[in-house]
Amino acid sequence: MSSAFAVLGSPIGHSLSPALHAAVISRLGVDATYERFDVTEAAFPAFVADHSSWEGFSLTMPLKQVSRQVVVSECAMSTLTGSVNTIVRRPEGWLGFNTDVWGAQHALSSQLDTVGGSAVVIGAGATACSVLVALHELGTTDVTVLIRDTSRAAAVTSVASRLGLTLRVASIGTSVTADLVVNTVPGTVVLDDDATAAIDGSALFEIAYDPWPTSLATEWAARGLPVVSGKWMLLLQALQQSRLFYGGDVDVELPDENIIVTSMRSAIGL
């Protein structure tokens, strides 16, 4: 019997996850399908209950926190970040995982010679929490979070405290300088010229990939500075996800994994 997987979120039409997982399934030759469904927070619990025979789901906005309600246990990274972006069905129930941290960490380490000791993170949602952990793993110790409403920074503040990171929260438009700038807000959110000009960093990690290039990526390229596309994080978190879906163990590489990565890159034009 074919194993069924899918990516859930809202909106979901832009997601490249089906292309990535199709490449993995094809290369491995496993009997599996991978689809996409537009699912809101309110509809999520019922959707999962109605699809209880499915093997696993990838989760994107806005489901990374509400997903914790349906799991019987979660990985340490999910507990630390408060974010579950992958659930897999096991005999005891749904298990939750966070593959975003691993994806962000390996995207940065593979694409930049050095991340540096300081960072500016734009946004304070679930992705920002995962990015904080990834930065900590790479040796960053000083982070400024820029957000429109500074009263909504409780989640990132909590994560930073548990990690021992020095964290400042400031309004978008505040002048900041750091080694690395990470933008975690959707690509449809455009910073105005003054807010962009107030941010100074040696490299940009732009999580959004649709539309591409984002306004911030265009600005960084115009400055002649390196830009790491969010497609790298998407691909690498999907790779760890694939270990869970098609291999069963998040820490065990898939057969010929380097070839699989090449196929995944080709599937999304990376």
C-alpha atoms as a PDB file:
ATOM      1  CA  MET A   1       0.000   0.000   0.000  1.00  0.00           C
ATOM      2  CA  SER A   2       1.331   3.416  -0.966  1.00  0.00           C
ATOM      3  CA  SER A   3       2.394   5.698   1.889  1.00  0.00           C
ATOM      4  CA  ALA A   4       0.729   9.116   1.807  1.00  0.00           C
ATOM      5  CA  PHE A   5       2.395  12.389   2.828  1.00  0.00           C
ATOM      6  CA  ALA A   6       1.572  16.054   2.253  1.00  0.00           C
ATOM      7  CA  VAL A   7       2.448  19.629   3.119  1.00  0.00           C
ATOM      8  CA  LEU A   8      -0.197  21.621   4.985  1.00  0.00           C
ATOM      9  CA  GLY A   9      -0.514  25.371   5.438  1.00  0.00           C
ATOM     10  CA  SER A  10      -2.392  28.445   4.315  1.00  0.00           C
ATOM     11  CA  PRO A  11      -1.668  29.786   1.764  1.00  0.00           C
ATOM     12  CA  ILE A  12       0.025  26.758   0.243  1.00  0.00           C
ATOM     13  CA  GLY A  13      -0.059  27.202  -3.532  1.00  0.00           C
ATOM     14  CA  HIS A  14       3.481  28.639  -3.689  1.00  0.00           C
ATOM     15  CA  SER A  15       5.074  25.769  -1.738  1.00  0.00           C
ATOM     16  CA  LEU A  16       8.004  23.984  -3.371  1.00  0.00           C
ATOM     17  CA  SER A  17       7.803  21.084  -0.912  1.00  0.00           C
ATOM     18  CA  PRO A  18       5.894  18.811  -3.356  1.00  0.00           C
ATOM     19  CA  ALA A  19       8.673  19.231  -5.943  1.00  0.00           C
ATOM     20  CA  LEU A  20      11.367  18.492  -3.363  1.00  0.00           C
ATOM     21  CA  HIS A  21       9.682  15.393  -1.984  1.00  0.00           C
ATOM     22  CA  ALA A  22       8.777  14.119  -5.449  1.00  0.00           C
ATOM     23  CA  ALA A  23      12.480  14.227  -6.287  1.00  0.00           C
ATOM     24  CA  VAL A  24      13.339  12.227  -3.153  1.00  0.00           C
ATOM     25  CA  ILE A  25      10.591   9.662  -3.741  1.00  0.00           C
ATOM     26  CA  SER A  26      11.668   9.198  -7.351  1.00  0.00           C
ATOM     27  CA  ARG A  27      15.349   8.816  -6.485  1.00  0.00           C
ATOM     28  CA  LEU A  28      14.654   6.338  -3.655  1.00  0.00           C
ATOM     29  CA  GLY A  29      12.083   4.415  -5.657  1.00  0.00           C
ATOM     30  CA  VAL A  30       9.712   4.160  -2.694  1.00  0.00           C
ATOM     31  CA  ASP A  31       5.966   3.619  -3.021  1.00  0.00           C
ATOM     32  CA  ALA A  32       4.766   6.963  -1.716  1.00  0.00           C
ATOM     33  CA  THR A  33       2.815  10.055  -2.703  1.00  0.00           C
ATOM     34  CA  TYR A  34       3.231  13.647  -1.528  1.00  0.00           C
ATOM     35  CA  GLU A  35       0.472  16.235  -1.934  1.00  0.00           C
ATOM     36  CA  ARG A  36      -0.437  19.708  -0.682  1.00  0.00           C
ATOM     37  CA  PHE A  37      -3.533  20.954   1.131  1.00  0.00           C
ATOM     38  CA  ASP A  38      -4.626  24.427   2.173  1.00  0.00           C
ATOM     39  CA  VAL A  39      -5.356  24.023   5.889  1.00  0.00           C
ATOM     40  CA  THR A  40      -5.968  26.829   8.379  1.00  0.00           C
ATOM     41  CA  GLU A  41      -5.227  26.763  12.107  1.00  0.00           C
ATOM     42  CA  ALA A  42      -8.904  26.262  12.919  1.00  0.00           C
ATOM     43  CA  ALA A  43      -9.252  23.374  10.469  1.00  0.00           C
ATOM     44  CA  PHE A  44      -5.971  21.638  11.344  1.00  0.00           C
ATOM     45  CA  PRO A  45      -7.031  19.289  14.206  1.00  0.00           C
ATOM     46  CA  ALA A  46     -10.017  17.980  12.247  1.00  0.00           C
ATOM     47  CA  PHE A  47      -7.948  17.565   9.078  1.00  0.00           C
ATOM     48  CA  VAL A  48      -5.363  15.434  10.872  1.00  0.00           C
ATOM     49  CA  ALA A  49      -8.090  13.361  12.525  1.00  0.00           C
ATOM     50  CA  ASP A  50      -9.706  12.781   9.129  1.00  0.00           C
ATOM     51  CA  HIS A  51      -6.349  11.702   7.639  1.00  0.00           C
ATOM     52  CA  SER A  52      -5.241   9.415  10.458  1.00  0.00           C
ATOM     53  CA  SER A  53      -4.080   6.733   8.009  1.00  0.00           C
ATOM     54  CA  TRP A  54      -1.563   9.074   6.374  1.00  0.00           C
ATOM     55  CA  GLU A  55       2.077   8.600   7.316  1.00  0.00           C
ATOM     56  CA  GLY A  56       3.241  12.184   7.808  1.00  0.00           C
ATOM     57  CA  PHE A  57       2.802  15.870   7.152  1.00  0.00           C
ATOM     58  CA  SER A  58       5.108  18.807   6.536  1.00  0.00           C
ATOM     59  CA  LEU A  59       3.766  21.963   8.186  1.00  0.00           C
ATOM     60  CA  THR A  60       4.223  25.573   7.188  1.00  0.00           C
ATOM     61  CA  MET A  61       2.583  28.859   8.172  1.00  0.00           C
ATOM     62  CA  PRO A  62       0.437  29.142  10.234  1.00  0.00           C
ATOM     63  CA  LEU A  63       0.519  25.589  11.642  1.00  0.00           C
ATOM     64  CA  LYS A  64       3.910  25.243  13.322  1.00  0.00           C
ATOM     65  CA  GLN A  65       2.577  25.981  16.796  1.00  0.00           C
ATOM     66  CA  VAL A  66      -0.986  24.613  16.675  1.00  0.00           C
ATOM     67  CA  SER A  67       0.520  21.326  15.436  1.00  0.00           C
ATOM     68  CA  ARG A  68       1.848  20.680  18.938  1.00  0.00           C
ATOM     69  CA  GLN A  69      -1.741  20.044  20.050  1.00  0.00           C
ATOM     70  CA  VAL A  70      -2.013  16.779  18.101  1.00  0.00           C
ATOM     71  CA  VAL A  71       1.311  15.125  18.946  1.00  0.00           C
ATOM     72  CA  VAL A  72       1.882  12.629  21.749  1.00  0.00           C
ATOM     73  CA  SER A  73       5.548  13.608  21.979  1.00  0.00           C
ATOM     74  CA  GLU A  74       7.952  16.031  20.319  1.00  0.00           C
ATOM     75  CA  CYS A  75      11.692  16.350  19.762  1.00  0.00           C
ATOM     76  CA  ALA A  76      13.916  18.509  21.950  1.00  0.00           C
ATOM     77  CA  MET A  77      14.170  21.200  19.250  1.00  0.00           C
ATOM     78  CA  SER A  78      10.388  21.450  19.072  1.00  0.00           C
ATOM     79  CA  THR A  79      10.198  21.911  22.826  1.00  0.00           C
ATOM     80  CA  LEU A  80      12.936  24.534  22.765  1.00  0.00           C
ATOM     81  CA  THR A  81      11.460  26.532  19.888  1.00  0.00           C
ATOM     82  CA  GLY A  82       7.776  25.893  20.514  1.00  0.00           C
ATOM     83  CA  SER A  83       7.540  24.888  16.853  1.00  0.00           C
ATOM     84  CA  VAL A  84       6.679  21.602  15.112  1.00  0.00           C
ATOM     85  CA  ASN A  85       7.038  21.609  11.322  1.00  0.00           C
ATOM     86  CA  THR A  86       6.875  17.837  10.793  1.00  0.00           C
ATOM     87  CA  ILE A  87       4.600  15.157  12.201  1.00  0.00           C
ATOM     88  CA  VAL A  88       4.901  11.428  11.548  1.00  0.00           C
ATOM     89  CA  ARG A  89       2.472   8.666  12.461  1.00  0.00           C
ATOM     90  CA  ARG A  90       3.723   5.920  14.727  1.00  0.00           C
ATOM     91  CA  PRO A  91       1.811   3.192  16.628  1.00  0.00           C
ATOM     92  CA  GLU A  92       1.637   5.404  19.727  1.00  0.00           C
ATOM     93  CA  GLY A  93       0.300   8.411  17.793  1.00  0.00           C
ATOM     94  CA  TRP A  94       1.672  11.475  15.998  1.00  0.00           C
ATOM     95  CA  LEU A  95       5.257  12.455  16.814  1.00  0.00           C
ATOM     96  CA  GLY A  96       6.416  16.049  16.320  1.00  0.00           C
ATOM     97  CA  PHE A  97       9.747  17.270  14.978  1.00  0.00           C
ATOM     98  CA  ASN A  98      11.422  20.554  14.128  1.00  0.00           C
ATOM     99  CA  THR A  99      13.624  20.228  11.033  1.00  0.00           C
ATOM    100  CA  ASP A 100      13.792  24.006  10.492  1.00  0.00           C
ATOM    101  CA  VAL A 101      16.672  24.436  12.954  1.00  0.00           C
ATOM    102  CA  TRP A 102      18.797  21.851  11.153  1.00  0.00           C
ATOM    103  CA  GLY A 103      17.816  23.313   7.795  1.00  0.00           C
ATOM    104  CA  ALA A 104      18.728  26.874   8.758  1.00  0.00           C
ATOM    105  CA  GLN A 105      21.981  25.840  10.419  1.00  0.00           C
ATOM    106  CA  HIS A 106      23.197  23.813   7.450  1.00  0.00           C
ATOM    107  CA  ALA A 107      21.994  26.382   4.917  1.00  0.00           C
ATOM    108  CA  LEU A 108      24.166  29.021   6.570  1.00  0.00           C
ATOM    109  CA  SER A 109      27.191  26.805   7.184  1.00  0.00           C
ATOM    110  CA  SER A 110      27.176  25.521   3.597  1.00  0.00           C
ATOM    111  CA  GLN A 111      26.738  28.894   1.913  1.00  0.00           C
ATOM    112  CA  LEU A 112      28.803  31.297   4.045  1.00  0.00           C
ATOM    113  CA  ASP A 113      32.440  31.035   5.116  1.00  0.00           C
ATOM    114  CA  THR A 114      31.493  32.490   8.487  1.00  0.00           C
ATOM    115  CA  VAL A 115      28.276  33.579  10.161  1.00  0.00           C
ATOM    116  CA  GLY A 116      29.846  35.910  12.710  1.00  0.00           C
ATOM    117  CA  GLY A 117      29.151  36.687  16.310  1.00  0.00           C
ATOM    118  CA  SER A 118      26.240  39.071  15.821  1.00  0.00           C
ATOM    119  CA  ALA A 119      22.986  38.946  13.880  1.00  0.00           C
ATOM    120  CA  VAL A 120      19.867  40.943  13.142  1.00  0.00           C
ATOM    121  CA  VAL A 121      16.710  38.838  12.844  1.00  0.00           C
ATOM    122  CA  ILE A 122      13.663  40.463  11.266  1.00  0.00           C
ATOM    123  CA  GLY A 123      10.443  38.959  12.610  1.00  0.00           C
ATOM    124  CA  ALA A 124       9.600  37.089  15.806  1.00  0.00           C
ATOM    125  CA  GLY A 125       7.448  34.150  14.773  1.00  0.00           C
ATOM    126  CA  ALA A 126       8.035  30.403  14.701  1.00  0.00           C
ATOM    127  CA  THR A 127      10.712  30.616  12.004  1.00  0.00           C
ATOM    128  CA  ALA A 128      12.582  33.302  13.936  1.00  0.00           C
ATOM    129  CA  CYS A 129      12.659  31.037  16.995  1.00  0.00           C
ATOM    130  CA  SER A 130      14.202  28.227  14.941  1.00  0.00           C
ATOM    131  CA  VAL A 131      16.712  30.648  13.404  1.00  0.00           C
ATOM    132  CA  LEU A 132      17.831  31.757  16.872  1.00  0.00           C
ATOM    133  CA  VAL A 133      18.712  28.166  17.768  1.00  0.00           C
ATOM    134  CA  ALA A 134      20.544  27.680  14.471  1.00  0.00           C
ATOM    135  CA  LEU A 135      22.552  30.866  15.025  1.00  0.00           C
ATOM    136  CA  HIS A 136      23.430  29.749  18.539  1.00  0.00           C
ATOM    137  CA  GLU A 137      24.634  26.403  17.177  1.00  0.00           C
ATOM    138  CA  LEU A 138      26.894  28.297  14.756  1.00  0.00           C
ATOM    139  CA  GLY A 139      28.457  30.457  17.460  1.00  0.00           C
ATOM    140  CA  THR A 140      26.440  33.670  17.265  1.00  0.00           C
ATOM    141  CA  THR A 141      26.091  35.219  20.710  1.00  0.00           C
ATOM    142  CA  ASP A 142      24.512  38.625  20.101  1.00  0.00           C
ATOM    143  CA  VAL A 143      21.148  39.075  18.348  1.00  0.00           C
ATOM    144  CA  THR A 144      18.839  42.007  17.700  1.00  0.00           C
ATOM    145  CA  VAL A 145      15.265  41.162  16.741  1.00  0.00           C
ATOM    146  CA  LEU A 146      13.392  43.729  14.699  1.00  0.00           C
ATOM    147  CA  ILE A 147       9.603  43.596  14.858  1.00  0.00           C
ATOM    148  CA  ARG A 148       6.764  46.025  14.138  1.00  0.00           C
ATOM    149  CA  ASP A 149       5.079  45.411  17.506  1.00  0.00           C
ATOM    150  CA  THR A 150       7.731  44.913  20.176  1.00  0.00           C
ATOM    151  CA  SER A 151       5.130  43.576  22.615  1.00  0.00           C
ATOM    152  CA  ARG A 152       4.896  40.400  20.500  1.00  0.00           C
ATOM    153  CA  ALA A 153       8.435  39.182  21.128  1.00  0.00           C
ATOM    154  CA  ALA A 154       7.730  36.839  24.054  1.00  0.00           C
ATOM    155  CA  ALA A 155       8.520  33.644  22.112  1.00  0.00           C
ATOM    156  CA  VAL A 156      11.916  34.758  20.780  1.00  0.00           C
ATOM    157  CA  THR A 157      12.805  36.291  24.136  1.00  0.00           C
ATOM    158  CA  SER A 158      12.073  32.989  25.875  1.00  0.00           C
ATOM    159  CA  VAL A 159      14.164  30.978  23.386  1.00  0.00           C
ATOM    160  CA  ALA A 160      17.093  33.404  23.652  1.00  0.00           C
ATOM    161  CA  SER A 161      16.983  33.246  27.445  1.00  0.00           C
ATOM    162  CA  ARG A 162      17.152  29.450  27.450  1.00  0.00           C
ATOM    163  CA  LEU A 163      20.075  29.554  25.013  1.00  0.00           C
ATOM    164  CA  GLY A 164      21.988  32.232  26.909  1.00  0.00           C
ATOM    165  CA  LEU A 165      21.930  34.568  23.906  1.00  0.00           C
ATOM    166  CA  THR A 166      22.207  38.307  24.351  1.00  0.00           C
ATOM    167  CA  LEU A 167      18.958  39.535  22.787  1.00  0.00           C
ATOM    168  CA  ARG A 168      17.639  43.002  22.107  1.00  0.00           C
ATOM    169  CA  VAL A 169      14.179  43.720  20.718  1.00  0.00           C
ATOM    170  CA  ALA A 170      13.681  46.866  18.655  1.00  0.00           C
ATOM    171  CA  SER A 171      11.142  48.326  16.285  1.00  0.00           C
ATOM    172  CA  ILE A 172      11.631  47.960  12.542  1.00  0.00           C
ATOM    173  CA  GLY A 173      13.280  51.209  11.417  1.00  0.00           C
ATOM    174  CA  THR A 174      15.787  51.255  14.276  1.00  0.00           C
ATOM    175  CA  SER A 175      19.398  51.590  13.092  1.00  0.00           C
ATOM    176  CA  VAL A 176      21.223  48.291  13.625  1.00  0.00           C
ATOM    177  CA  THR A 177      24.522  46.742  12.532  1.00  0.00           C
ATOM    178  CA  ALA A 178      25.543  43.080  12.662  1.00  0.00           C
ATOM    179  CA  ASP A 179      27.593  40.463  10.864  1.00  0.00           C
ATOM    180  CA  LEU A 180      24.505  38.723   9.485  1.00  0.00           C
ATOM    181  CA  VAL A 181      20.951  39.817   8.710  1.00  0.00           C
ATOM    182  CA  VAL A 182      18.211  37.168   8.667  1.00  0.00           C
ATOM    183  CA  ASN A 183      14.782  38.044   7.324  1.00  0.00           C
ATOM    184  CA  THR A 184      12.090  35.625   8.532  1.00  0.00           C
ATOM    185  CA  VAL A 185       8.970  37.545   7.454  1.00  0.00           C
ATOM    186  CA  PRO A 186       6.971  36.521   4.350  1.00  0.00           C
ATOM    187  CA  GLY A 187       8.187  37.763   0.988  1.00  0.00           C
ATOM    188  CA  THR A 188       4.990  39.742   0.561  1.00  0.00           C
ATOM    189  CA  VAL A 189       6.031  41.973   3.501  1.00  0.00           C
ATOM    190  CA  VAL A 190       8.094  44.812   2.032  1.00  0.00           C
ATOM    191  CA  LEU A 191      10.247  47.017   4.251  1.00  0.00           C
ATOM    192  CA  ASP A 192      10.171  50.665   3.270  1.00  0.00           C
ATOM    193  CA  ASP A 193      13.340  52.390   2.091  1.00  0.00           C
ATOM    194  CA  ASP A 194      14.067  53.999   5.463  1.00  0.00           C
ATOM    195  CA  ALA A 195      13.731  50.694   7.329  1.00  0.00           C
ATOM    196  CA  THR A 196      15.995  48.956   4.824  1.00  0.00           C
ATOM    197  CA  ALA A 197      18.597  51.709   4.952  1.00  0.00           C
ATOM    198  CA  ALA A 198      18.688  51.427   8.759  1.00  0.00           C
ATOM    199  CA  ILE A 199      19.902  47.806   8.606  1.00  0.00           C
ATOM    200  CA  ASP A 200      23.599  47.145   8.050  1.00  0.00           C
ATOM    201  CA  GLY A 201      25.112  43.676   7.763  1.00  0.00           C
ATOM    202  CA  SER A 202      27.807  41.810   5.856  1.00  0.00           C
ATOM    203  CA  ALA A 203      25.482  39.097   4.517  1.00  0.00           C
ATOM    204  CA  LEU A 204      21.757  38.403   4.210  1.00  0.00           C
ATOM    205  CA  PHE A 205      19.897  35.156   4.827  1.00  0.00           C
ATOM    206  CA  GLU A 206      16.506  35.709   3.170  1.00  0.00           C
ATOM    207  CA  ILE A 207      14.151  32.960   4.304  1.00  0.00           C
ATOM    208  CA  ALA A 208      11.367  33.875   1.868  1.00  0.00           C
ATOM    209  CA  TYR A 209      11.692  32.557  -1.668  1.00  0.00           C
ATOM    210  CA  ASP A 210       8.373  33.663  -3.192  1.00  0.00           C
ATOM    211  CA  PRO A 211       8.342  36.172  -4.735  1.00  0.00           C
ATOM    212  CA  TRP A 212      12.056  36.183  -5.595  1.00  0.00           C
ATOM    213  CA  PRO A 213      14.085  38.253  -5.350  1.00  0.00           C
ATOM    214  CA  THR A 214      12.548  39.979  -2.358  1.00  0.00           C
ATOM    215  CA  SER A 215      13.097  43.697  -1.932  1.00  0.00           C
ATOM    216  CA  LEU A 216      15.691  43.045   0.766  1.00  0.00           C
ATOM    217  CA  ALA A 217      17.559  40.516  -1.401  1.00  0.00           C
ATOM    218  CA  THR A 218      17.612  43.047  -4.235  1.00  0.00           C
ATOM    219  CA  GLU A 219      19.038  45.686  -1.909  1.00  0.00           C
ATOM    220  CA  TRP A 220      21.761  43.381  -0.581  1.00  0.00           C
ATOM    221  CA  ALA A 221      22.753  42.340  -4.074  1.00  0.00           C
ATOM    222  CA  ALA A 222      22.954  46.019  -5.050  1.00  0.00           C
ATOM    223  CA  ARG A 223      25.321  46.552  -2.119  1.00  0.00           C
ATOM    224  CA  GLY A 224      27.521  43.796  -3.541  1.00  0.00           C
ATOM    225  CA  LEU A 225      26.997  41.606  -0.471  1.00  0.00           C
ATOM    226  CA  PRO A 226      26.246  37.854  -0.335  1.00  0.00           C
ATOM    227  CA  VAL A 227      22.650  36.674  -0.190  1.00  0.00           C
ATOM    228  CA  VAL A 228      21.686  33.174   0.960  1.00  0.00           C
ATOM    229  CA  SER A 229      18.364  32.121  -0.551  1.00  0.00           C
ATOM    230  CA  GLY A 230      15.689  30.610   1.651  1.00  0.00           C
ATOM    231  CA  LYS A 231      15.513  27.762  -0.867  1.00  0.00           C
ATOM    232  CA  TRP A 232      18.590  26.328   0.863  1.00  0.00           C
ATOM    233  CA  MET A 233      16.805  26.156   4.210  1.00  0.00           C
ATOM    234  CA  LEU A 234      13.696  24.752   2.533  1.00  0.00           C
ATOM    235  CA  LEU A 235      15.716  22.036   0.796  1.00  0.00           C
ATOM    236  CA  LEU A 236      17.752  21.047   3.834  1.00  0.00           C
ATOM    237  CA  GLN A 237      14.830  20.939   6.262  1.00  0.00           C
ATOM    238  CA  ALA A 238      13.030  18.803   3.668  1.00  0.00           C
ATOM    239  CA  LEU A 239      16.058  16.512   3.514  1.00  0.00           C
ATOM    240  CA  GLN A 240      15.921  15.838   7.247  1.00  0.00           C
ATOM    241  CA  GLN A 241      12.157  15.490   6.918  1.00  0.00           C
ATOM    242  CA  SER A 242      12.703  12.904   4.183  1.00  0.00           C
ATOM    243  CA  ARG A 243      14.881  10.869   6.515  1.00  0.00           C
ATOM    244  CA  LEU A 244      11.862  10.650   8.814  1.00  0.00           C
ATOM    245  CA  PHE A 245       9.281  10.018   6.109  1.00  0.00           C
ATOM    246  CA  TYR A 246      11.101   7.520   3.910  1.00  0.00           C
ATOM    247  CA  GLY A 247      13.872   6.214   6.148  1.00  0.00           C
ATOM    248  CA  GLY A 248      12.357   6.307   9.613  1.00  0.00           C
ATOM    249  CA  ASP A 249      15.227   7.979  11.487  1.00  0.00           C
ATOM    250  CA  VAL A 250      15.909  11.710  11.466  1.00  0.00           C
ATOM    251  CA  ASP A 251      19.612  11.204  12.196  1.00  0.00           C
ATOM    252  CA  VAL A 252      20.361   8.493   9.615  1.00  0.00           C
ATOM    253  CA  GLU A 253      21.306   9.567   6.095  1.00  0.00           C
ATOM    254  CA  LEU A 254      19.314   8.240   3.171  1.00  0.00           C
ATOM    255  CA  PRO A 255      21.063   5.964   0.650  1.00  0.00           C
ATOM    256  CA  ASP A 256      23.198   8.051  -1.744  1.00  0.00           C
ATOM    257  CA  GLU A 257      22.058  11.201   0.010  1.00  0.00           C
ATOM    258  CA  ASN A 258      24.444  13.446  -1.924  1.00  0.00           C
ATOM    259  CA  ILE A 259      22.786  12.329  -5.170  1.00  0.00           C
ATOM    260  CA  ILE A 260      19.357  12.937  -3.636  1.00  0.00           C
ATOM    261  CA  VAL A 261      20.377  16.492  -2.741  1.00  0.00           C
ATOM    262  CA  THR A 262      21.458  17.086  -6.335  1.00  0.00           C
ATOM    263  CA  SER A 263      18.032  15.912  -7.532  1.00  0.00           C
ATOM    264  CA  MET A 264      16.295  18.149  -4.998  1.00  0.00           C
ATOM    265  CA  ARG A 265      18.329  21.159  -6.118  1.00  0.00           C
ATOM    266  CA  SER A 266      17.406  20.513  -9.727  1.00  0.00           C
ATOM    267  CA  ALA A 267      13.728  20.214  -8.805  1.00  0.00           C
ATOM    268  CA  ILE A 268      13.608  23.773  -7.431  1.00  0.00           C
ATOM    269  CA  GLY A 269      16.201  25.439  -9.633  1.00  0.00           C
ATOM    270  CA  LEU A 270      18.872  25.820  -6.978  1.00  0.00           C
END
